[in-house]
Amino acid sequence: MTKSFAILFQMKRTKALPNGNAPIYLWITVDSERVEIATKRNAPPDKRITAAQKVMGNTDDARSVNSHLKTIEQKAYEVYREMIERKIPITAQTFKDRMMALKRKYNKITEQIIAV
């Protein structure tokens, strides 16, 4: 059974930070069910995310944010492909759980490297 799947980056202007920047969230939609994952990145609201799913601008900050968003997007498609290959039922929540598990795994490895 084919499932609809979409990835979208969205700024949450309602949760503006003290410096005026808005946090960027990853929206994952599977069969009209949506979940959000914080990207831990923010940008000025006037540099909104365009149709290309990027923060506008050529500053170092914009390039850094865009690079991070591209990495997250690649990981999301990798998780999606893996779930299809392993025949794991895909829902928005199971997808989010898999994405967060990757993040926790990466953080643990980073902590171990720093501790050494």
PDB file of N, CA and C in Angstrom:
ATOM      1  N   MET A   1       0.840  -1.184   0.000  1.00  0.00           N
ATOM      2  CA  MET A   1       0.000   0.000   0.000  1.00  0.00           C
ATOM      3  C   MET A   1       0.884   1.248   0.000  1.00  0.00           C
ATOM      4  N   THR A   2       0.656   2.134  -0.922  1.00  0.00           N
ATOM      5  CA  THR A   2       1.441   3.349  -1.044  1.00  0.00           C
ATOM      6  C   THR A   2       0.984   4.378  -0.021  1.00  0.00           C
ATOM      7  N   LYS A   3       1.953   4.987   0.616  1.00  0.00           N
ATOM      8  CA  LYS A   3       1.659   6.022   1.598  1.00  0.00           C
ATOM      9  C   LYS A   3       2.177   7.348   1.067  1.00  0.00           C
ATOM     10  N   SER A   4       1.414   8.406   1.326  1.00  0.00           N
ATOM     11  CA  SER A   4       1.924   9.725   0.959  1.00  0.00           C
ATOM     12  C   SER A   4       2.941  10.134   2.021  1.00  0.00           C
ATOM     13  N   PHE A   5       4.000  10.769   1.585  1.00  0.00           N
ATOM     14  CA  PHE A   5       5.094  11.140   2.478  1.00  0.00           C
ATOM     15  C   PHE A   5       5.619  12.502   2.050  1.00  0.00           C
ATOM     16  N   ALA A   6       5.751  13.416   3.004  1.00  0.00           N
ATOM     17  CA  ALA A   6       6.265  14.746   2.678  1.00  0.00           C
ATOM     18  C   ALA A   6       7.118  15.276   3.823  1.00  0.00           C
ATOM     19  N   ILE A   7       8.147  16.015   3.439  1.00  0.00           N
ATOM     20  CA  ILE A   7       9.036  16.665   4.400  1.00  0.00           C
ATOM     21  C   ILE A   7       9.007  18.156   4.096  1.00  0.00           C
ATOM     22  N   LEU A   8       8.861  18.966   5.143  1.00  0.00           N
ATOM     23  CA  LEU A   8       8.789  20.408   4.960  1.00  0.00           C
ATOM     24  C   LEU A   8       9.445  21.084   6.157  1.00  0.00           C
ATOM     25  N   PHE A   9      10.255  22.103   5.912  1.00  0.00           N
ATOM     26  CA  PHE A   9      10.823  22.901   6.994  1.00  0.00           C
ATOM     27  C   PHE A   9       9.966  24.138   7.157  1.00  0.00           C
ATOM     28  N   GLN A  10       9.652  24.467   8.408  1.00  0.00           N
ATOM     29  CA  GLN A  10       8.755  25.582   8.674  1.00  0.00           C
ATOM     30  C   GLN A  10       9.265  26.377   9.869  1.00  0.00           C
ATOM     31  N   MET A  11       9.204  27.702   9.770  1.00  0.00           N
ATOM     32  CA  MET A  11       9.546  28.565  10.902  1.00  0.00           C
ATOM     33  C   MET A  11       8.326  28.729  11.790  1.00  0.00           C
ATOM     34  N   LYS A  12       8.558  28.736  13.087  1.00  0.00           N
ATOM     35  CA  LYS A  12       7.470  28.991  14.035  1.00  0.00           C
ATOM     36  C   LYS A  12       7.624  30.413  14.550  1.00  0.00           C
ATOM     37  N   ARG A  13       6.978  31.326  13.877  1.00  0.00           N
ATOM     38  CA  ARG A  13       7.084  32.732  14.259  1.00  0.00           C
ATOM     39  C   ARG A  13       6.443  33.000  15.616  1.00  0.00           C
ATOM     40  N   THR A  14       5.505  32.159  16.023  1.00  0.00           N
ATOM     41  CA  THR A  14       4.829  32.347  17.310  1.00  0.00           C
ATOM     42  C   THR A  14       5.744  32.010  18.484  1.00  0.00           C
ATOM     43  N   LYS A  15       6.824  31.291  18.233  1.00  0.00           N
ATOM     44  CA  LYS A  15       7.768  30.931  19.297  1.00  0.00           C
ATOM     45  C   LYS A  15       9.083  31.692  19.121  1.00  0.00           C
ATOM     46  N   ALA A  16       8.977  32.963  18.789  1.00  0.00           N
ATOM     47  CA  ALA A  16      10.169  33.775  18.538  1.00  0.00           C
ATOM     48  C   ALA A  16      11.072  33.809  19.767  1.00  0.00           C
ATOM     49  N   LEU A  17      12.360  33.774  19.513  1.00  0.00           N
ATOM     50  CA  LEU A  17      13.367  33.816  20.564  1.00  0.00           C
ATOM     51  C   LEU A  17      13.618  35.265  20.977  1.00  0.00           C
ATOM     52  N   PRO A  18      14.281  35.493  22.124  1.00  0.00           N
ATOM     53  CA  PRO A  18      14.537  36.873  22.560  1.00  0.00           C
ATOM     54  C   PRO A  18      15.293  37.723  21.529  1.00  0.00           C
ATOM     55  N   ASN A  19      16.133  37.097  20.707  1.00  0.00           N
ATOM     56  CA  ASN A  19      16.874  37.859  19.693  1.00  0.00           C
ATOM     57  C   ASN A  19      16.035  38.139  18.446  1.00  0.00           C
ATOM     58  N   GLY A  20      14.776  37.705  18.443  1.00  0.00           N
ATOM     59  CA  GLY A  20      13.875  37.960  17.324  1.00  0.00           C
ATOM     60  C   GLY A  20      13.841  36.857  16.285  1.00  0.00           C
ATOM     61  N   ASN A  21      14.767  35.912  16.361  1.00  0.00           N
ATOM     62  CA  ASN A  21      14.782  34.800  15.409  1.00  0.00           C
ATOM     63  C   ASN A  21      13.660  33.813  15.713  1.00  0.00           C
ATOM     64  N   ALA A  22      13.251  33.097  14.695  1.00  0.00           N
ATOM     65  CA  ALA A  22      12.198  32.086  14.844  1.00  0.00           C
ATOM     66  C   ALA A  22      12.822  30.699  14.697  1.00  0.00           C
ATOM     67  N   PRO A  23      12.436  29.755  15.565  1.00  0.00           N
ATOM     68  CA  PRO A  23      12.972  28.396  15.438  1.00  0.00           C
ATOM     69  C   PRO A  23      12.433  27.702  14.187  1.00  0.00           C
ATOM     70  N   ILE A  24      13.246  26.808  13.641  1.00  0.00           N
ATOM     71  CA  ILE A  24      12.870  26.075  12.433  1.00  0.00           C
ATOM     72  C   ILE A  24      12.539  24.639  12.822  1.00  0.00           C
ATOM     73  N   TYR A  25      11.398  24.157  12.356  1.00  0.00           N
ATOM     74  CA  TYR A  25      10.948  22.799  12.646  1.00  0.00           C
ATOM     75  C   TYR A  25      10.855  21.991  11.362  1.00  0.00           C
ATOM     76  N   LEU A  26      11.063  20.700  11.496  1.00  0.00           N
ATOM     77  CA  LEU A  26      10.857  19.767  10.391  1.00  0.00           C
ATOM     78  C   LEU A  26       9.458  19.205  10.545  1.00  0.00           C
ATOM     79  N   TRP A  27       8.628  19.365   9.530  1.00  0.00           N
ATOM     80  CA  TRP A  27       7.293  18.775   9.519  1.00  0.00           C
ATOM     81  C   TRP A  27       7.350  17.529   8.663  1.00  0.00           C
ATOM     82  N   ILE A  28       6.915  16.427   9.227  1.00  0.00           N
ATOM     83  CA  ILE A  28       6.852  15.163   8.499  1.00  0.00           C
ATOM     84  C   ILE A  28       5.387  14.786   8.390  1.00  0.00           C
ATOM     85  N   THR A  29       4.922  14.565   7.171  1.00  0.00           N
ATOM     86  CA  THR A  29       3.530  14.193   6.943  1.00  0.00           C
ATOM     87  C   THR A  29       3.480  12.838   6.261  1.00  0.00           C
ATOM     88  N   VAL A  30       2.746  11.913   6.886  1.00  0.00           N
ATOM     89  CA  VAL A  30       2.519  10.587   6.312  1.00  0.00           C
ATOM     90  C   VAL A  30       1.017  10.356   6.320  1.00  0.00           C
ATOM     91  N   ASP A  31       0.437  10.194   5.143  1.00  0.00           N
ATOM     92  CA  ASP A  31      -1.013   9.990   5.002  1.00  0.00           C
ATOM     93  C   ASP A  31      -1.822  11.014   5.799  1.00  0.00           C
ATOM     94  N   SER A  32      -1.530  12.279   5.612  1.00  0.00           N
ATOM     95  CA  SER A  32      -2.233  13.403   6.241  1.00  0.00           C
ATOM     96  C   SER A  32      -2.033  13.488   7.747  1.00  0.00           C
ATOM     97  N   GLU A  33      -1.156  12.702   8.323  1.00  0.00           N
ATOM     98  CA  GLU A  33      -0.832  12.771   9.747  1.00  0.00           C
ATOM     99  C   GLU A  33       0.523  13.461   9.862  1.00  0.00           C
ATOM    100  N   ARG A  34       0.593  14.548  10.656  1.00  0.00           N
ATOM    101  CA  ARG A  34       1.818  15.335  10.723  1.00  0.00           C
ATOM    102  C   ARG A  34       2.416  15.330  12.119  1.00  0.00           C
ATOM    103  N   VAL A  35       3.743  15.280  12.161  1.00  0.00           N
ATOM    104  CA  VAL A  35       4.491  15.440  13.406  1.00  0.00           C
ATOM    105  C   VAL A  35       5.584  16.475  13.163  1.00  0.00           C
ATOM    106  N   GLU A  36       6.080  17.055  14.251  1.00  0.00           N
ATOM    107  CA  GLU A  36       7.127  18.067  14.166  1.00  0.00           C
ATOM    108  C   GLU A  36       8.370  17.588  14.894  1.00  0.00           C
ATOM    109  N   ILE A  37       9.517  17.981  14.369  1.00  0.00           N
ATOM    110  CA  ILE A  37      10.790  17.734  15.038  1.00  0.00           C
ATOM    111  C   ILE A  37      11.558  19.049  15.014  1.00  0.00           C
ATOM    112  N   ALA A  38      12.045  19.473  16.172  1.00  0.00           N
ATOM    113  CA  ALA A  38      12.834  20.699  16.238  1.00  0.00           C
ATOM    114  C   ALA A  38      14.187  20.463  15.581  1.00  0.00           C
ATOM    115  N   THR A  39      14.623  21.408  14.764  1.00  0.00           N
ATOM    116  CA  THR A  39      15.921  21.274  14.097  1.00  0.00           C
ATOM    117  C   THR A  39      17.050  21.854  14.940  1.00  0.00           C
ATOM    118  N   LYS A  40      16.705  22.553  16.010  1.00  0.00           N
ATOM    119  CA  LYS A  40      17.677  23.225  16.872  1.00  0.00           C
ATOM    120  C   LYS A  40      18.403  24.349  16.136  1.00  0.00           C
ATOM    121  N   ARG A  41      17.767  24.887  15.123  1.00  0.00           N
ATOM    122  CA  ARG A  41      18.310  26.017  14.379  1.00  0.00           C
ATOM    123  C   ARG A  41      17.239  27.102  14.308  1.00  0.00           C
ATOM    124  N   ASN A  42      17.679  28.343  14.158  1.00  0.00           N
ATOM    125  CA  ASN A  42      16.735  29.447  14.040  1.00  0.00           C
ATOM    126  C   ASN A  42      17.276  30.456  13.037  1.00  0.00           C
ATOM    127  N   ALA A  43      16.394  31.336  12.600  1.00  0.00           N
ATOM    128  CA  ALA A  43      16.754  32.351  11.614  1.00  0.00           C
ATOM    129  C   ALA A  43      15.791  33.526  11.742  1.00  0.00           C
ATOM    130  N   PRO A  44      16.200  34.685  11.237  1.00  0.00           N
ATOM    131  CA  PRO A  44      15.287  35.834  11.256  1.00  0.00           C
ATOM    132  C   PRO A  44      14.039  35.537  10.420  1.00  0.00           C
ATOM    133  N   PRO A  45      12.861  35.883  10.933  1.00  0.00           N
ATOM    134  CA  PRO A  45      11.621  35.589  10.198  1.00  0.00           C
ATOM    135  C   PRO A  45      11.563  36.215   8.804  1.00  0.00           C
ATOM    136  N   ASP A  46      12.239  37.348   8.600  1.00  0.00           N
ATOM    137  CA  ASP A  46      12.204  37.966   7.273  1.00  0.00           C
ATOM    138  C   ASP A  46      13.051  37.190   6.260  1.00  0.00           C
ATOM    139  N   LYS A  47      13.865  36.270   6.728  1.00  0.00           N
ATOM    140  CA  LYS A  47      14.645  35.389   5.844  1.00  0.00           C
ATOM    141  C   LYS A  47      13.929  34.045   5.750  1.00  0.00           C
ATOM    142  N   ARG A  48      12.646  34.112   5.505  1.00  0.00           N
ATOM    143  CA  ARG A  48      11.779  32.940   5.557  1.00  0.00           C
ATOM    144  C   ARG A  48      12.268  31.792   4.681  1.00  0.00           C
ATOM    145  N   ILE A  49      11.727  30.648   4.949  1.00  0.00           N
ATOM    146  CA  ILE A  49      12.058  29.465   4.179  1.00  0.00           C
ATOM    147  C   ILE A  49      11.299  29.531   2.860  1.00  0.00           C
ATOM    148  N   THR A  50      12.033  29.442   1.788  1.00  0.00           N
ATOM    149  CA  THR A  50      11.451  29.562   0.456  1.00  0.00           C
ATOM    150  C   THR A  50      10.960  28.204  -0.029  1.00  0.00           C
ATOM    151  N   ALA A  51      10.465  28.182  -1.241  1.00  0.00           N
ATOM    152  CA  ALA A  51      10.000  26.924  -1.837  1.00  0.00           C
ATOM    153  C   ALA A  51      11.136  25.915  -1.942  1.00  0.00           C
ATOM    154  N   ALA A  52      12.368  26.397  -1.977  1.00  0.00           N
ATOM    155  CA  ALA A  52      13.531  25.505  -2.049  1.00  0.00           C
ATOM    156  C   ALA A  52      13.898  24.957  -0.672  1.00  0.00           C
ATOM    157  N   GLN A  53      13.124  25.297   0.347  1.00  0.00           N
ATOM    158  CA  GLN A  53      13.349  24.821   1.708  1.00  0.00           C
ATOM    159  C   GLN A  53      14.688  25.298   2.262  1.00  0.00           C
ATOM    160  N   LYS A  54      14.987  26.573   2.055  1.00  0.00           N
ATOM    161  CA  LYS A  54      16.231  27.155   2.534  1.00  0.00           C
ATOM    162  C   LYS A  54      15.961  28.500   3.181  1.00  0.00           C
ATOM    163  N   VAL A  55      16.898  28.906   4.018  1.00  0.00           N
ATOM    164  CA  VAL A  55      16.879  30.250   4.566  1.00  0.00           C
ATOM    165  C   VAL A  55      17.539  31.143   3.522  1.00  0.00           C
ATOM    166  N   MET A  56      16.923  32.267   3.242  1.00  0.00           N
ATOM    167  CA  MET A  56      17.469  33.160   2.218  1.00  0.00           C
ATOM    168  C   MET A  56      18.694  33.885   2.754  1.00  0.00           C
ATOM    169  N   GLY A  57      19.627  34.164   1.881  1.00  0.00           N
ATOM    170  CA  GLY A  57      20.798  34.946   2.249  1.00  0.00           C
ATOM    171  C   GLY A  57      22.098  34.231   1.959  1.00  0.00           C
ATOM    172  N   ASN A  58      23.174  35.025   1.899  1.00  0.00           N
ATOM    173  CA  ASN A  58      24.501  34.483   1.638  1.00  0.00           C
ATOM    174  C   ASN A  58      25.433  34.631   2.833  1.00  0.00           C
ATOM    175  N   THR A  59      24.889  34.946   3.995  1.00  0.00           N
ATOM    176  CA  THR A  59      25.732  35.099   5.176  1.00  0.00           C
ATOM    177  C   THR A  59      26.208  33.728   5.648  1.00  0.00           C
ATOM    178  N   ASP A  60      27.229  33.743   6.489  1.00  0.00           N
ATOM    179  CA  ASP A  60      27.735  32.481   7.036  1.00  0.00           C
ATOM    180  C   ASP A  60      26.660  31.767   7.848  1.00  0.00           C
ATOM    181  N   ASP A  61      25.847  32.550   8.585  1.00  0.00           N
ATOM    182  CA  ASP A  61      24.771  31.947   9.377  1.00  0.00           C
ATOM    183  C   ASP A  61      23.755  31.247   8.482  1.00  0.00           C
ATOM    184  N   ALA A  62      23.359  31.906   7.406  1.00  0.00           N
ATOM    185  CA  ALA A  62      22.376  31.313   6.485  1.00  0.00           C
ATOM    186  C   ALA A  62      22.938  30.046   5.853  1.00  0.00           C
ATOM    187  N   ARG A  63      24.198  30.091   5.462  1.00  0.00           N
ATOM    188  CA  ARG A  63      24.820  28.901   4.866  1.00  0.00           C
ATOM    189  C   ARG A  63      24.901  27.759   5.868  1.00  0.00           C
ATOM    190  N   SER A  64      25.226  28.087   7.112  1.00  0.00           N
ATOM    191  CA  SER A  64      25.311  27.064   8.157  1.00  0.00           C
ATOM    192  C   SER A  64      23.949  26.417   8.403  1.00  0.00           C
ATOM    193  N   VAL A  65      22.914  27.247   8.510  1.00  0.00           N
ATOM    194  CA  VAL A  65      21.559  26.729   8.725  1.00  0.00           C
ATOM    195  C   VAL A  65      21.135  25.870   7.540  1.00  0.00           C
ATOM    196  N   ASN A  66      21.371  26.339   6.321  1.00  0.00           N
ATOM    197  CA  ASN A  66      20.984  25.586   5.125  1.00  0.00           C
ATOM    198  C   ASN A  66      21.707  24.250   5.045  1.00  0.00           C
ATOM    199  N   SER A  67      22.966  24.233   5.421  1.00  0.00           N
ATOM    200  CA  SER A  67      23.732  22.988   5.421  1.00  0.00           C
ATOM    201  C   SER A  67      23.140  22.000   6.429  1.00  0.00           C
ATOM    202  N   HIS A  68      22.791  22.515   7.610  1.00  0.00           N
ATOM    203  CA  HIS A  68      22.194  21.662   8.645  1.00  0.00           C
ATOM    204  C   HIS A  68      20.838  21.119   8.187  1.00  0.00           C
ATOM    205  N   LEU A  69      20.025  21.961   7.572  1.00  0.00           N
ATOM    206  CA  LEU A  69      18.712  21.519   7.092  1.00  0.00           C
ATOM    207  C   LEU A  69      18.857  20.458   6.007  1.00  0.00           C
ATOM    208  N   LYS A  70      19.836  20.617   5.133  1.00  0.00           N
ATOM    209  CA  LYS A  70      20.071  19.629   4.074  1.00  0.00           C
ATOM    210  C   LYS A  70      20.475  18.286   4.683  1.00  0.00           C
ATOM    211  N   THR A  71      21.302  18.317   5.724  1.00  0.00           N
ATOM    212  CA  THR A  71      21.710  17.088   6.407  1.00  0.00           C
ATOM    213  C   THR A  71      20.509  16.391   7.029  1.00  0.00           C
ATOM    214  N   ILE A  72      19.640  17.160   7.678  1.00  0.00           N
ATOM    215  CA  ILE A  72      18.434  16.590   8.285  1.00  0.00           C
ATOM    216  C   ILE A  72      17.538  15.991   7.210  1.00  0.00           C
ATOM    217  N   GLU A  73      17.385  16.692   6.094  1.00  0.00           N
ATOM    218  CA  GLU A  73      16.555  16.192   4.997  1.00  0.00           C
ATOM    219  C   GLU A  73      17.103  14.864   4.461  1.00  0.00           C
ATOM    220  N   GLN A  74      18.408  14.782   4.292  1.00  0.00           N
ATOM    221  CA  GLN A  74      19.022  13.544   3.806  1.00  0.00           C
ATOM    222  C   GLN A  74      18.808  12.399   4.787  1.00  0.00           C
ATOM    223  N   LYS A  75      18.931  12.686   6.092  1.00  0.00           N
ATOM    224  CA  LYS A  75      18.694  11.656   7.105  1.00  0.00           C
ATOM    225  C   LYS A  75      17.243  11.188   7.066  1.00  0.00           C
ATOM    226  N   ALA A  76      16.325  12.123   6.859  1.00  0.00           N
ATOM    227  CA  ALA A  76      14.906  11.767   6.812  1.00  0.00           C
ATOM    228  C   ALA A  76      14.627  10.818   5.652  1.00  0.00           C
ATOM    229  N   TYR A  77      15.167  11.124   4.479  1.00  0.00           N
ATOM    230  CA  TYR A  77      14.956  10.236   3.332  1.00  0.00           C
ATOM    231  C   TYR A  77      15.651   8.892   3.530  1.00  0.00           C
ATOM    232  N   GLU A  78      16.776   8.899   4.220  1.00  0.00           N
ATOM    233  CA  GLU A  78      17.472   7.646   4.521  1.00  0.00           C
ATOM    234  C   GLU A  78      16.631   6.773   5.456  1.00  0.00           C
ATOM    235  N   VAL A  79      16.034   7.384   6.476  1.00  0.00           N
ATOM    236  CA  VAL A  79      15.161   6.648   7.399  1.00  0.00           C
ATOM    237  C   VAL A  79      13.956   6.103   6.646  1.00  0.00           C
ATOM    238  N   TYR A  80      13.368   6.906   5.772  1.00  0.00           N
ATOM    239  CA  TYR A  80      12.209   6.478   4.991  1.00  0.00           C
ATOM    240  C   TYR A  80      12.557   5.267   4.130  1.00  0.00           C
ATOM    241  N   ARG A  81      13.690   5.345   3.439  1.00  0.00           N
ATOM    242  CA  ARG A  81      14.138   4.238   2.582  1.00  0.00           C
ATOM    243  C   ARG A  81      14.380   2.974   3.410  1.00  0.00           C
ATOM    244  N   GLU A  82      15.012   3.146   4.572  1.00  0.00           N
ATOM    245  CA  GLU A  82      15.285   2.004   5.447  1.00  0.00           C
ATOM    246  C   GLU A  82      13.990   1.357   5.941  1.00  0.00           C
ATOM    247  N   MET A  83      13.010   2.176   6.296  1.00  0.00           N
ATOM    248  CA  MET A  83      11.737   1.636   6.776  1.00  0.00           C
ATOM    249  C   MET A  83      11.029   0.856   5.669  1.00  0.00           C
ATOM    250  N   ILE A  84      11.124   1.335   4.439  1.00  0.00           N
ATOM    251  CA  ILE A  84      10.516   0.618   3.313  1.00  0.00           C
ATOM    252  C   ILE A  84      11.238  -0.703   3.082  1.00  0.00           C
ATOM    253  N   GLU A  85      12.569  -0.664   3.082  1.00  0.00           N
ATOM    254  CA  GLU A  85      13.349  -1.880   2.842  1.00  0.00           C
ATOM    255  C   GLU A  85      13.090  -2.945   3.902  1.00  0.00           C
ATOM    256  N   ARG A  86      12.957  -2.510   5.158  1.00  0.00           N
ATOM    257  CA  ARG A  86      12.738  -3.464   6.256  1.00  0.00           C
ATOM    258  C   ARG A  86      11.261  -3.775   6.475  1.00  0.00           C
ATOM    259  N   LYS A  87      10.423  -3.189   5.636  1.00  0.00           N
ATOM    260  CA  LYS A  87       8.971  -3.403   5.701  1.00  0.00           C
ATOM    261  C   LYS A  87       8.392  -3.034   7.068  1.00  0.00           C
ATOM    262  N   ILE A  88       8.895  -1.946   7.632  1.00  0.00           N
ATOM    263  CA  ILE A  88       8.389  -1.423   8.897  1.00  0.00           C
ATOM    264  C   ILE A  88       7.186  -0.538   8.576  1.00  0.00           C
ATOM    265  N   PRO A  89       6.056  -0.727   9.273  1.00  0.00           N
ATOM    266  CA  PRO A  89       4.881   0.117   9.009  1.00  0.00           C
ATOM    267  C   PRO A  89       5.230   1.600   9.217  1.00  0.00           C
ATOM    268  N   ILE A  90       4.901   2.393   8.232  1.00  0.00           N
ATOM    269  CA  ILE A  90       5.263   3.810   8.279  1.00  0.00           C
ATOM    270  C   ILE A  90       4.055   4.643   8.683  1.00  0.00           C
ATOM    271  N   THR A  91       4.193   5.288   9.826  1.00  0.00           N
ATOM    272  CA  THR A  91       3.246   6.309  10.263  1.00  0.00           C
ATOM    273  C   THR A  91       4.087   7.526  10.624  1.00  0.00           C
ATOM    274  N   ALA A  92       3.444   8.651  10.805  1.00  0.00           N
ATOM    275  CA  ALA A  92       4.187   9.858  11.156  1.00  0.00           C
ATOM    276  C   ALA A  92       4.928   9.662  12.475  1.00  0.00           C
ATOM    277  N   GLN A  93       4.264   9.031  13.445  1.00  0.00           N
ATOM    278  CA  GLN A  93       4.880   8.853  14.757  1.00  0.00           C
ATOM    279  C   GLN A  93       6.029   7.847  14.718  1.00  0.00           C
ATOM    280  N   THR A  94       5.872   6.729  13.998  1.00  0.00           N
ATOM    281  CA  THR A  94       6.976   5.762  13.929  1.00  0.00           C
ATOM    282  C   THR A  94       8.163   6.378  13.192  1.00  0.00           C
ATOM    283  N   PHE A  95       7.885   7.203  12.200  1.00  0.00           N
ATOM    284  CA  PHE A  95       8.966   7.877  11.486  1.00  0.00           C
ATOM    285  C   PHE A  95       9.706   8.827  12.425  1.00  0.00           C
ATOM    286  N   LYS A  96       8.953   9.596  13.209  1.00  0.00           N
ATOM    287  CA  LYS A  96       9.575  10.520  14.163  1.00  0.00           C
ATOM    288  C   LYS A  96      10.410   9.751  15.179  1.00  0.00           C
ATOM    289  N   ASP A  97       9.878   8.644  15.672  1.00  0.00           N
ATOM    290  CA  ASP A  97      10.620   7.833  16.640  1.00  0.00           C
ATOM    291  C   ASP A  97      11.944   7.356  16.059  1.00  0.00           C
ATOM    292  N   ARG A  98      11.940   6.928  14.798  1.00  0.00           N
ATOM    293  CA  ARG A  98      13.172   6.473  14.137  1.00  0.00           C
ATOM    294  C   ARG A  98      14.153   7.634  13.971  1.00  0.00           C
ATOM    295  N   MET A  99      13.655   8.804  13.601  1.00  0.00           N
ATOM    296  CA  MET A  99      14.526   9.976  13.450  1.00  0.00           C
ATOM    297  C   MET A  99      15.147  10.365  14.789  1.00  0.00           C
ATOM    298  N   MET A 100      14.353  10.344  15.838  1.00  0.00           N
ATOM    299  CA  MET A 100      14.858  10.717  17.155  1.00  0.00           C
ATOM    300  C   MET A 100      15.839   9.674  17.681  1.00  0.00           C
ATOM    301  N   ALA A 101      15.638   8.412  17.357  1.00  0.00           N
ATOM    302  CA  ALA A 101      16.569   7.357  17.772  1.00  0.00           C
ATOM    303  C   ALA A 101      17.924   7.591  17.121  1.00  0.00           C
ATOM    304  N   LEU A 102      17.945   7.993  15.863  1.00  0.00           N
ATOM    305  CA  LEU A 102      19.206   8.313  15.192  1.00  0.00           C
ATOM    306  C   LEU A 102      19.902   9.468  15.889  1.00  0.00           C
ATOM    307  N   LYS A 103      19.131  10.453  16.296  1.00  0.00           N
ATOM    308  CA  LYS A 103      19.694  11.623  16.951  1.00  0.00           C
ATOM    309  C   LYS A 103      20.294  11.245  18.304  1.00  0.00           C
ATOM    310  N   ARG A 104      19.574  10.423  19.081  1.00  0.00           N
ATOM    311  CA  ARG A 104      20.084   9.990  20.383  1.00  0.00           C
ATOM    312  C   ARG A 104      21.355   9.167  20.216  1.00  0.00           C
ATOM    313  N   LYS A 105      21.376   8.305  19.220  1.00  0.00           N
ATOM    314  CA  LYS A 105      22.540   7.464  18.952  1.00  0.00           C
ATOM    315  C   LYS A 105      23.748   8.347  18.617  1.00  0.00           C
ATOM    316  N   TYR A 106      23.545   9.346  17.780  1.00  0.00           N
ATOM    317  CA  TYR A 106      24.618  10.257  17.400  1.00  0.00           C
ATOM    318  C   TYR A 106      25.120  11.020  18.619  1.00  0.00           C
ATOM    319  N   ASN A 107      24.210  11.507  19.473  1.00  0.00           N
ATOM    320  CA  ASN A 107      24.606  12.258  20.660  1.00  0.00           C
ATOM    321  C   ASN A 107      25.413  11.397  21.619  1.00  0.00           C
ATOM    322  N   LYS A 108      25.042  10.126  21.783  1.00  0.00           N
ATOM    323  CA  LYS A 108      25.789   9.238  22.668  1.00  0.00           C
ATOM    324  C   LYS A 108      27.200   9.011  22.139  1.00  0.00           C
ATOM    325  N   ILE A 109      27.332   8.830  20.842  1.00  0.00           N
ATOM    326  CA  ILE A 109      28.657   8.636  20.245  1.00  0.00           C
ATOM    327  C   ILE A 109      29.501   9.893  20.442  1.00  0.00           C
ATOM    328  N   THR A 110      28.908  11.054  20.236  1.00  0.00           N
ATOM    329  CA  THR A 110      29.627  12.315  20.414  1.00  0.00           C
ATOM    330  C   THR A 110      30.081  12.470  21.858  1.00  0.00           C
ATOM    331  N   GLU A 111      29.212  12.134  22.823  1.00  0.00           N
ATOM    332  CA  GLU A 111      29.574  12.221  24.233  1.00  0.00           C
ATOM    333  C   GLU A 111      30.735  11.295  24.558  1.00  0.00           C
ATOM    334  N   GLN A 112      30.736  10.096  23.999  1.00  0.00           N
ATOM    335  CA  GLN A 112      31.815   9.148  24.250  1.00  0.00           C
ATOM    336  C   GLN A 112      33.133   9.657  23.681  1.00  0.00           C
ATOM    337  N   ILE A 113      33.090  10.269  22.521  1.00  0.00           N
ATOM    338  CA  ILE A 113      34.308  10.804  21.912  1.00  0.00           C
ATOM    339  C   ILE A 113      34.857  11.946  22.759  1.00  0.00           C
ATOM    340  N   ILE A 114      33.987  12.809  23.243  1.00  0.00           N
ATOM    341  CA  ILE A 114      34.413  13.943  24.064  1.00  0.00           C
ATOM    342  C   ILE A 114      34.994  13.457  25.389  1.00  0.00           C
ATOM    343  N   ALA A 115      34.404  12.409  25.964  1.00  0.00           N
ATOM    344  CA  ALA A 115      34.857  11.884  27.253  1.00  0.00           C
ATOM    345  C   ALA A 115      36.258  11.282  27.165  1.00  0.00           C
ATOM    346  N   VAL A 116      36.638  10.819  25.991  1.00  0.00           N
ATOM    347  CA  VAL A 116      37.948  10.164  25.835  1.00  0.00           C
ATOM    348  C   VAL A 116      39.027  11.165  25.769  1.00  0.00           C
TER     349      VAL A 116
END
